[in-house]
């Protein structure tokens, strides 16, 4: 479970980095590169969301197992 949370955090950071790069390129007037960074940010954000959902589901499964041991 910790690994899932770590991966999600890494993708959140990648998305944030891409957003910062997009903003920097936009300020320079390089809209094409900025657009690519925006696309990457969206992709990383989606993956972070998926990993967060997986980690949350695993966390719920683990809690259920601890509450109702077989």
Protein backbone atom coordinates (compact mmCIF):
# COMPACT_ATOMS: atom_id res chain seq x y z
CA UNK A 1 0.00 0.00 0.00
CA UNK A 2 2.79 2.43 0.83
CA UNK A 3 4.23 1.83 -2.64
CA UNK A 4 0.93 2.87 -4.26
CA UNK A 5 0.85 6.09 -2.27
CA UNK A 6 4.49 6.79 -3.17
CA UNK A 7 3.83 6.27 -6.89
CA UNK A 8 0.78 8.54 -6.74
CA UNK A 9 2.83 11.24 -5.01
CA UNK A 10 5.52 10.96 -7.68
CA UNK A 11 2.97 11.45 -10.46
CA UNK A 12 1.48 14.45 -8.62
CA UNK A 13 4.98 15.96 -8.50
CA UNK A 14 5.54 15.20 -12.22
CA UNK A 15 2.26 16.94 -13.03
CA UNK A 16 3.21 19.96 -10.94
CA UNK A 17 6.59 20.14 -12.67
CA UNK A 18 4.94 19.99 -16.10
CA UNK A 19 2.56 22.80 -15.06
CA UNK A 20 5.50 24.95 -13.96
CA UNK A 21 7.32 24.24 -17.23
CA UNK A 22 4.16 25.12 -19.16
CA UNK A 23 3.89 28.45 -17.36
CA UNK A 24 7.54 29.25 -18.04
CA UNK A 25 7.20 28.44 -21.75
CA UNK A 26 3.99 30.43 -21.99
CA UNK A 27 5.74 33.48 -20.53
CA UNK A 28 8.43 33.10 -23.20
CA UNK A 29 5.77 33.00 -25.91
CA UNK A 30 6.54 29.37 -26.80
CA UNK A 31 2.93 28.19 -26.91
CA UNK A 32 3.68 24.94 -28.75
CA UNK A 33 6.08 23.73 -26.05
CA UNK A 34 3.71 25.04 -23.40
CA UNK A 35 0.89 23.00 -24.94
CA UNK A 36 3.04 19.86 -24.79
CA UNK A 37 3.80 20.49 -21.12
CA UNK A 38 0.09 20.96 -20.44
CA UNK A 39 -0.63 17.64 -22.14
CA UNK A 40 2.04 15.94 -20.04
CA UNK A 41 0.66 17.52 -16.88
CA UNK A 42 -2.81 16.20 -17.66
CA UNK A 43 -1.42 12.73 -18.36
CA UNK A 44 0.52 12.70 -15.08
CA UNK A 45 -2.48 14.02 -13.15
CA UNK A 46 -4.68 11.26 -14.55
CA UNK A 47 -2.14 8.60 -13.61
CA UNK A 48 -1.76 10.08 -10.12
CA UNK A 49 -5.53 9.96 -9.72
CA UNK A 50 -5.66 6.31 -10.82
CA UNK A 51 -2.89 5.36 -8.40
CA UNK A 52 -4.56 7.28 -5.58
CA UNK A 53 -7.81 5.40 -6.21
CA UNK A 54 -5.95 2.07 -6.23
CA UNK A 55 -4.18 2.92 -2.98
CA UNK A 56 -7.47 3.96 -1.40
CA UNK A 57 -9.14 0.70 -2.48
CA UNK A 58 -6.24 -1.36 -1.14
CA UNK A 59 -6.37 0.57 2.11
CA UNK A 60 -10.07 -0.25 2.48
CA UNK A 61 -9.43 -3.92 1.73
CA UNK A 62 -6.66 -4.04 4.30
CA UNK A 63 -8.85 -2.40 6.96
CA UNK A 64 -11.67 -4.87 6.24
CA UNK A 65 -9.27 -7.78 6.57
CA UNK A 66 -7.96 -6.47 9.89
CA UNK A 67 -11.50 -5.90 11.19
CA UNK A 68 -12.74 -9.34 10.10
CA UNK A 69 -9.81 -11.79 10.19
CA UNK A 70 -10.61 -15.20 8.74
